[in-house]
Amino acid sequence: MKTRILSATAAVVLFAAIPTFSQGAAHVLVPGCGGKDHAKFEPSKIIVACGDGNLFLTKLKWSAWGSTSAKGSGTAHQNTCTPSCAQGRFKSYPVDVTLSKAKLCTKQQKTEFKKLTYVFTGKKPAGASKKNAVPRPCSA
């Protein structure tokens, strides 16, 4: 009899330890830029400048992902736009990233982060602020 009670208790403990994301609030997405760039969960890349692609983040590693915010770090790639953006080169900079302001996007019926904040942790592009916040519209 004691063996059955221990087994049932162990099964309950094991089952409770398994995380679920199918309906969980922690499954908040990052909006994409439209087209084939759809909303994603814990993406490794985010295009920040959707109109021209002159700023994007790569090698993203997420240290925390919850229902109200997400935190990570990676590499920002900024176009120098010298002598023009078409002829410019991309330079890389380390950044910390925070996603916040989760909102239900009613058309997609998915919750997405509406604010992306990135902070240059080392050298930053000429003329850029150390800390930058960008609103994110719901994915198309």
N, C-alpha and C. Protein backbone atom coordinates (compact mmCIF):
# COMPACT_ATOMS: atom_id res chain seq x y z
N MET A 1 0.82 -1.19 0.00
CA MET A 1 0.00 0.00 0.00
C MET A 1 0.86 1.26 0.00
N LYS A 2 1.92 1.28 0.79
CA LYS A 2 2.80 2.43 0.84
C LYS A 2 3.46 2.67 -0.51
N THR A 3 3.78 1.61 -1.25
CA THR A 3 4.43 1.74 -2.55
C THR A 3 3.52 2.49 -3.51
N ARG A 4 2.24 2.19 -3.54
CA ARG A 4 1.30 2.86 -4.43
C ARG A 4 1.17 4.34 -4.09
N ILE A 5 1.14 4.68 -2.85
CA ILE A 5 1.02 6.07 -2.43
C ILE A 5 2.27 6.84 -2.86
N LEU A 6 3.44 6.27 -2.64
CA LEU A 6 4.67 6.93 -3.06
C LEU A 6 4.71 7.10 -4.57
N SER A 7 4.28 6.09 -5.32
CA SER A 7 4.29 6.18 -6.79
C SER A 7 3.34 7.25 -7.27
N ALA A 8 2.17 7.32 -6.70
CA ALA A 8 1.20 8.35 -7.10
C ALA A 8 1.73 9.74 -6.77
N THR A 9 2.33 9.87 -5.59
CA THR A 9 2.90 11.16 -5.19
C THR A 9 4.03 11.54 -6.14
N ALA A 10 4.90 10.62 -6.47
CA ALA A 10 6.01 10.90 -7.39
C ALA A 10 5.48 11.31 -8.76
N ALA A 11 4.43 10.67 -9.23
CA ALA A 11 3.86 11.01 -10.53
C ALA A 11 3.30 12.43 -10.52
N VAL A 12 2.64 12.82 -9.44
CA VAL A 12 2.09 14.17 -9.33
C VAL A 12 3.22 15.19 -9.32
N VAL A 13 4.28 14.93 -8.58
CA VAL A 13 5.41 15.84 -8.51
C VAL A 13 6.07 15.97 -9.88
N LEU A 14 6.29 14.87 -10.57
CA LEU A 14 6.89 14.91 -11.90
C LEU A 14 6.01 15.67 -12.89
N PHE A 15 4.72 15.41 -12.88
CA PHE A 15 3.81 16.08 -13.80
C PHE A 15 3.78 17.59 -13.55
N ALA A 16 3.80 18.00 -12.30
CA ALA A 16 3.75 19.42 -11.95
C ALA A 16 5.02 20.15 -12.38
N ALA A 17 6.13 19.43 -12.49
CA ALA A 17 7.39 20.06 -12.86
C ALA A 17 7.54 20.30 -14.35
N ILE A 18 6.67 19.70 -15.17
CA ILE A 18 6.77 19.85 -16.62
C ILE A 18 6.11 21.16 -17.03
N PRO A 19 6.87 22.11 -17.65
CA PRO A 19 6.27 23.38 -18.07
C PRO A 19 5.38 23.20 -19.28
N THR A 20 4.36 24.01 -19.38
CA THR A 20 3.49 23.97 -20.54
C THR A 20 3.37 25.37 -21.12
N PHE A 21 3.47 25.45 -22.46
CA PHE A 21 3.42 26.74 -23.12
C PHE A 21 2.27 26.83 -24.11
N SER A 22 1.50 25.77 -24.27
CA SER A 22 0.45 25.79 -25.28
C SER A 22 -0.56 26.91 -25.05
N GLN A 23 -0.99 27.12 -23.84
CA GLN A 23 -1.93 28.19 -23.54
C GLN A 23 -1.37 29.15 -22.51
N GLY A 24 -0.11 28.94 -22.10
CA GLY A 24 0.47 29.73 -21.02
C GLY A 24 0.71 31.17 -21.39
N ALA A 25 0.62 32.04 -20.39
CA ALA A 25 0.82 33.48 -20.60
C ALA A 25 2.26 33.78 -21.00
N ALA A 26 3.20 32.88 -20.70
CA ALA A 26 4.60 33.11 -21.04
C ALA A 26 4.86 32.93 -22.53
N HIS A 27 3.88 32.50 -23.28
CA HIS A 27 4.06 32.28 -24.72
C HIS A 27 3.71 33.55 -25.50
N VAL A 28 4.25 34.68 -25.03
CA VAL A 28 4.06 35.96 -25.70
C VAL A 28 5.05 36.01 -26.86
N LEU A 29 4.62 36.57 -27.99
CA LEU A 29 5.44 36.59 -29.20
C LEU A 29 6.06 37.96 -29.46
N VAL A 30 7.07 37.98 -30.33
CA VAL A 30 7.67 39.22 -30.80
C VAL A 30 7.11 39.47 -32.19
N PRO A 31 6.50 40.64 -32.44
CA PRO A 31 5.96 40.90 -33.76
C PRO A 31 7.06 40.94 -34.81
N GLY A 32 6.73 40.46 -35.99
CA GLY A 32 7.66 40.54 -37.12
C GLY A 32 7.37 41.80 -37.92
N CYS A 33 7.96 41.86 -39.10
CA CYS A 33 7.78 43.03 -39.97
C CYS A 33 6.76 42.77 -41.07
N GLY A 34 6.06 41.67 -41.03
CA GLY A 34 5.09 41.36 -42.07
C GLY A 34 5.69 40.44 -43.11
N GLY A 35 4.92 40.13 -44.13
CA GLY A 35 5.39 39.20 -45.16
C GLY A 35 5.70 37.85 -44.53
N LYS A 36 6.89 37.34 -44.80
CA LYS A 36 7.31 36.05 -44.25
C LYS A 36 7.92 36.19 -42.85
N ASP A 37 8.07 37.42 -42.37
CA ASP A 37 8.64 37.67 -41.04
C ASP A 37 7.50 37.72 -40.03
N HIS A 38 7.02 36.54 -39.61
CA HIS A 38 5.89 36.44 -38.69
C HIS A 38 6.33 36.60 -37.24
N ALA A 39 5.36 36.75 -36.35
CA ALA A 39 5.63 36.83 -34.92
C ALA A 39 6.29 35.53 -34.47
N LYS A 40 7.25 35.66 -33.53
CA LYS A 40 8.01 34.50 -33.09
C LYS A 40 8.15 34.47 -31.57
N PHE A 41 8.38 33.27 -31.06
CA PHE A 41 8.65 33.03 -29.65
C PHE A 41 10.16 32.85 -29.49
N GLU A 42 10.78 33.64 -28.64
CA GLU A 42 12.21 33.59 -28.38
C GLU A 42 13.03 33.56 -29.68
N PRO A 43 12.86 34.59 -30.55
CA PRO A 43 13.59 34.58 -31.82
C PRO A 43 15.09 34.81 -31.63
N SER A 44 15.88 34.31 -32.57
CA SER A 44 17.32 34.55 -32.54
C SER A 44 17.67 35.80 -33.33
N LYS A 45 16.69 36.34 -34.09
CA LYS A 45 16.91 37.55 -34.89
C LYS A 45 15.64 38.40 -34.87
N ILE A 46 15.80 39.73 -34.77
CA ILE A 46 14.67 40.67 -34.84
C ILE A 46 15.08 41.82 -35.76
N ILE A 47 14.25 42.11 -36.74
CA ILE A 47 14.47 43.30 -37.57
C ILE A 47 13.85 44.47 -36.82
N VAL A 48 14.66 45.48 -36.50
CA VAL A 48 14.18 46.63 -35.75
C VAL A 48 13.65 47.69 -36.71
N ALA A 49 14.40 47.99 -37.76
CA ALA A 49 14.00 48.98 -38.77
C ALA A 49 13.27 48.24 -39.89
N CYS A 50 11.96 48.04 -39.71
CA CYS A 50 11.19 47.24 -40.66
C CYS A 50 11.14 47.86 -42.06
N GLY A 51 11.14 49.17 -42.15
CA GLY A 51 11.01 49.83 -43.45
C GLY A 51 12.19 49.60 -44.38
N ASP A 52 13.42 49.64 -43.82
CA ASP A 52 14.59 49.52 -44.69
C ASP A 52 15.59 48.45 -44.25
N GLY A 53 15.38 47.84 -43.10
CA GLY A 53 16.29 46.79 -42.63
C GLY A 53 17.66 47.30 -42.23
N ASN A 54 17.80 48.60 -41.99
CA ASN A 54 19.11 49.17 -41.67
C ASN A 54 19.53 48.96 -40.22
N LEU A 55 18.66 48.35 -39.41
CA LEU A 55 19.03 47.98 -38.04
C LEU A 55 18.34 46.67 -37.71
N PHE A 56 19.15 45.67 -37.34
CA PHE A 56 18.57 44.40 -36.93
C PHE A 56 19.44 43.78 -35.84
N LEU A 57 18.84 42.88 -35.07
CA LEU A 57 19.50 42.22 -33.94
C LEU A 57 19.66 40.74 -34.26
N THR A 58 20.83 40.18 -33.96
CA THR A 58 21.07 38.76 -34.19
C THR A 58 21.71 38.14 -32.95
N LYS A 59 21.90 36.83 -33.02
CA LYS A 59 22.54 36.06 -31.96
C LYS A 59 21.87 36.31 -30.61
N LEU A 60 20.55 36.48 -30.64
CA LEU A 60 19.81 36.77 -29.41
C LEU A 60 19.74 35.54 -28.52
N LYS A 61 20.10 35.73 -27.28
CA LYS A 61 20.02 34.70 -26.24
C LYS A 61 19.13 35.26 -25.16
N TRP A 62 18.06 34.56 -24.83
CA TRP A 62 17.07 35.06 -23.87
C TRP A 62 17.36 34.49 -22.49
N SER A 63 17.54 35.38 -21.51
CA SER A 63 17.78 34.97 -20.13
C SER A 63 16.48 34.86 -19.34
N ALA A 64 15.44 35.54 -19.79
CA ALA A 64 14.13 35.48 -19.13
C ALA A 64 13.05 35.75 -20.17
N TRP A 65 11.93 35.02 -20.05
CA TRP A 65 10.80 35.21 -20.97
C TRP A 65 9.53 34.96 -20.17
N GLY A 66 8.75 36.00 -19.96
CA GLY A 66 7.53 35.87 -19.17
C GLY A 66 6.33 36.48 -19.85
N SER A 67 5.26 36.61 -19.11
CA SER A 67 4.01 37.13 -19.67
C SER A 67 4.00 38.65 -19.77
N THR A 68 4.91 39.33 -19.06
CA THR A 68 4.93 40.80 -19.10
C THR A 68 6.22 41.37 -19.69
N SER A 69 7.29 40.58 -19.71
CA SER A 69 8.54 41.07 -20.29
C SER A 69 9.46 39.91 -20.63
N ALA A 70 10.47 40.24 -21.44
CA ALA A 70 11.51 39.28 -21.79
C ALA A 70 12.83 40.04 -21.81
N LYS A 71 13.90 39.36 -21.42
CA LYS A 71 15.22 39.99 -21.39
C LYS A 71 16.23 39.08 -22.07
N GLY A 72 17.13 39.71 -22.81
CA GLY A 72 18.17 38.95 -23.48
C GLY A 72 19.30 39.84 -23.92
N SER A 73 20.21 39.27 -24.68
CA SER A 73 21.34 40.02 -25.22
C SER A 73 21.68 39.46 -26.58
N GLY A 74 22.41 40.26 -27.35
CA GLY A 74 22.79 39.84 -28.68
C GLY A 74 23.65 40.88 -29.36
N THR A 75 23.57 40.92 -30.69
CA THR A 75 24.37 41.83 -31.49
C THR A 75 23.47 42.66 -32.37
N ALA A 76 23.66 43.99 -32.31
CA ALA A 76 22.94 44.91 -33.19
C ALA A 76 23.80 45.14 -34.43
N HIS A 77 23.15 45.20 -35.59
CA HIS A 77 23.83 45.48 -36.85
C HIS A 77 23.21 46.76 -37.41
N GLN A 78 24.01 47.82 -37.49
CA GLN A 78 23.54 49.14 -37.92
C GLN A 78 24.25 49.52 -39.21
N ASN A 79 23.47 49.96 -40.20
CA ASN A 79 24.04 50.44 -41.46
C ASN A 79 24.67 51.81 -41.21
N THR A 80 25.89 52.00 -41.71
CA THR A 80 26.56 53.29 -41.55
C THR A 80 25.94 54.35 -42.45
N CYS A 81 25.28 53.93 -43.52
CA CYS A 81 24.64 54.85 -44.49
C CYS A 81 25.65 55.87 -45.04
N THR A 82 26.90 55.47 -45.18
CA THR A 82 27.93 56.35 -45.72
C THR A 82 28.52 55.71 -46.98
N PRO A 83 28.52 56.32 -48.10
CA PRO A 83 28.05 57.68 -48.40
C PRO A 83 26.52 57.75 -48.53
N SER A 84 25.86 56.59 -48.68
CA SER A 84 24.40 56.53 -48.68
C SER A 84 24.03 55.20 -48.04
N CYS A 85 22.76 55.03 -47.69
CA CYS A 85 22.35 53.77 -47.07
C CYS A 85 22.50 52.60 -48.04
N ALA A 86 22.29 52.85 -49.33
CA ALA A 86 22.46 51.80 -50.32
C ALA A 86 23.92 51.36 -50.43
N GLN A 87 24.85 52.27 -50.17
CA GLN A 87 26.27 51.96 -50.28
C GLN A 87 26.95 51.79 -48.92
N GLY A 88 26.19 51.91 -47.86
CA GLY A 88 26.77 51.80 -46.52
C GLY A 88 27.15 50.38 -46.17
N ARG A 89 27.87 50.25 -45.06
CA ARG A 89 28.26 48.95 -44.54
C ARG A 89 27.63 48.78 -43.16
N PHE A 90 27.42 47.54 -42.78
CA PHE A 90 26.87 47.25 -41.46
C PHE A 90 28.00 47.08 -40.46
N LYS A 91 27.85 47.74 -39.31
CA LYS A 91 28.77 47.57 -38.19
C LYS A 91 28.01 46.89 -37.06
N SER A 92 28.72 46.13 -36.25
CA SER A 92 28.11 45.34 -35.18
C SER A 92 28.42 45.92 -33.81
N TYR A 93 27.42 45.82 -32.91
CA TYR A 93 27.54 46.37 -31.56
C TYR A 93 26.83 45.43 -30.58
N PRO A 94 27.42 45.16 -29.39
CA PRO A 94 26.72 44.35 -28.39
C PRO A 94 25.56 45.13 -27.77
N VAL A 95 24.45 44.42 -27.54
CA VAL A 95 23.26 45.05 -26.95
C VAL A 95 22.59 44.14 -25.92
N ASP A 96 21.90 44.78 -24.98
CA ASP A 96 20.94 44.11 -24.11
C ASP A 96 19.57 44.48 -24.64
N VAL A 97 18.64 43.54 -24.61
CA VAL A 97 17.31 43.73 -25.18
C VAL A 97 16.25 43.44 -24.13
N THR A 98 15.23 44.30 -24.08
CA THR A 98 14.07 44.07 -23.23
C THR A 98 12.82 44.21 -24.08
N LEU A 99 11.91 43.26 -23.94
CA LEU A 99 10.60 43.32 -24.59
C LEU A 99 9.57 43.54 -23.49
N SER A 100 8.57 44.39 -23.76
CA SER A 100 7.56 44.69 -22.74
C SER A 100 6.24 45.09 -23.39
N LYS A 101 5.28 45.45 -22.55
CA LYS A 101 3.94 45.90 -22.95
C LYS A 101 3.22 44.85 -23.78
N ALA A 102 3.07 43.65 -23.22
CA ALA A 102 2.35 42.58 -23.90
C ALA A 102 0.90 42.98 -24.13
N LYS A 103 0.39 42.65 -25.31
CA LYS A 103 -0.98 43.01 -25.68
C LYS A 103 -1.56 41.93 -26.57
N LEU A 104 -2.85 41.66 -26.40
CA LEU A 104 -3.53 40.71 -27.28
C LEU A 104 -3.81 41.41 -28.61
N CYS A 105 -3.28 40.86 -29.68
CA CYS A 105 -3.55 41.36 -31.02
C CYS A 105 -4.80 40.62 -31.51
N THR A 106 -5.92 41.33 -31.53
CA THR A 106 -7.21 40.68 -31.73
C THR A 106 -7.35 40.00 -33.10
N LYS A 107 -6.78 40.58 -34.14
CA LYS A 107 -6.91 39.99 -35.48
C LYS A 107 -6.23 38.62 -35.54
N GLN A 108 -5.06 38.51 -34.89
CA GLN A 108 -4.31 37.25 -34.89
C GLN A 108 -4.66 36.35 -33.71
N GLN A 109 -5.33 36.91 -32.72
CA GLN A 109 -5.63 36.19 -31.47
C GLN A 109 -4.37 35.64 -30.82
N LYS A 110 -3.30 36.47 -30.84
CA LYS A 110 -2.04 36.11 -30.21
C LYS A 110 -1.57 37.30 -29.38
N THR A 111 -0.91 37.01 -28.28
CA THR A 111 -0.35 38.07 -27.45
C THR A 111 1.07 38.36 -27.91
N GLU A 112 1.35 39.65 -28.14
CA GLU A 112 2.65 40.07 -28.64
C GLU A 112 3.20 41.23 -27.80
N PHE A 113 4.52 41.29 -27.70
CA PHE A 113 5.16 42.42 -27.02
C PHE A 113 5.09 43.64 -27.94
N LYS A 114 4.69 44.78 -27.39
CA LYS A 114 4.50 45.99 -28.17
C LYS A 114 5.66 46.98 -28.06
N LYS A 115 6.63 46.71 -27.19
CA LYS A 115 7.76 47.63 -27.01
C LYS A 115 9.06 46.83 -26.98
N LEU A 116 10.03 47.28 -27.77
CA LEU A 116 11.36 46.69 -27.81
C LEU A 116 12.35 47.78 -27.38
N THR A 117 13.12 47.50 -26.34
CA THR A 117 14.14 48.44 -25.88
C THR A 117 15.49 47.75 -26.03
N TYR A 118 16.43 48.46 -26.63
CA TYR A 118 17.78 47.92 -26.74
C TYR A 118 18.77 48.95 -26.22
N VAL A 119 19.79 48.43 -25.53
CA VAL A 119 20.81 49.27 -24.91
C VAL A 119 22.17 48.79 -25.42
N PHE A 120 22.93 49.71 -25.99
CA PHE A 120 24.28 49.38 -26.42
C PHE A 120 25.13 49.21 -25.17
N THR A 121 25.78 48.06 -25.03
CA THR A 121 26.53 47.77 -23.81
C THR A 121 28.01 48.08 -23.94
N GLY A 122 28.45 48.38 -25.12
CA GLY A 122 29.84 48.76 -25.36
C GLY A 122 29.83 49.97 -26.28
N LYS A 123 30.63 49.90 -27.32
CA LYS A 123 30.66 50.96 -28.31
C LYS A 123 29.29 51.05 -28.97
N LYS A 124 28.88 52.27 -29.35
CA LYS A 124 27.60 52.46 -30.01
C LYS A 124 27.81 53.21 -31.32
N PRO A 125 26.83 53.14 -32.23
CA PRO A 125 26.96 53.88 -33.49
C PRO A 125 27.06 55.38 -33.25
N ALA A 126 27.81 56.06 -34.11
CA ALA A 126 27.94 57.51 -34.02
C ALA A 126 26.57 58.16 -34.10
N GLY A 127 26.28 59.05 -33.17
CA GLY A 127 25.01 59.77 -33.16
C GLY A 127 23.85 59.02 -32.55
N ALA A 128 24.04 57.75 -32.18
CA ALA A 128 22.96 56.96 -31.59
C ALA A 128 22.93 57.16 -30.07
N SER A 129 21.75 57.03 -29.50
CA SER A 129 21.60 57.05 -28.05
C SER A 129 22.03 55.71 -27.48
N LYS A 130 22.49 55.70 -26.26
CA LYS A 130 22.88 54.45 -25.61
C LYS A 130 21.67 53.53 -25.44
N LYS A 131 20.49 54.13 -25.05
CA LYS A 131 19.27 53.37 -24.83
C LYS A 131 18.21 53.82 -25.84
N ASN A 132 17.55 52.88 -26.48
CA ASN A 132 16.56 53.18 -27.51
C ASN A 132 15.33 52.30 -27.33
N ALA A 133 14.16 52.89 -27.47
CA ALA A 133 12.90 52.15 -27.37
C ALA A 133 12.12 52.30 -28.68
N VAL A 134 11.58 51.18 -29.14
CA VAL A 134 10.88 51.16 -30.41
C VAL A 134 9.51 50.51 -30.22
N PRO A 135 8.42 51.17 -30.65
CA PRO A 135 7.12 50.51 -30.59
C PRO A 135 7.03 49.43 -31.66
N ARG A 136 6.30 48.36 -31.37
CA ARG A 136 6.13 47.26 -32.32
C ARG A 136 4.64 47.09 -32.60
N PRO A 137 4.21 47.21 -33.85
CA PRO A 137 2.80 46.98 -34.17
C PRO A 137 2.49 45.49 -34.18
N CYS A 138 1.23 45.15 -34.07
CA CYS A 138 0.85 43.73 -34.18
C CYS A 138 1.26 43.21 -35.55
N SER A 139 1.65 41.95 -35.60
CA SER A 139 2.04 41.33 -36.87
C SER A 139 0.86 41.30 -37.82
N ALA A 140 1.17 41.33 -39.09
CA ALA A 140 0.12 41.30 -40.12
C ALA A 140 -0.40 39.89 -40.28
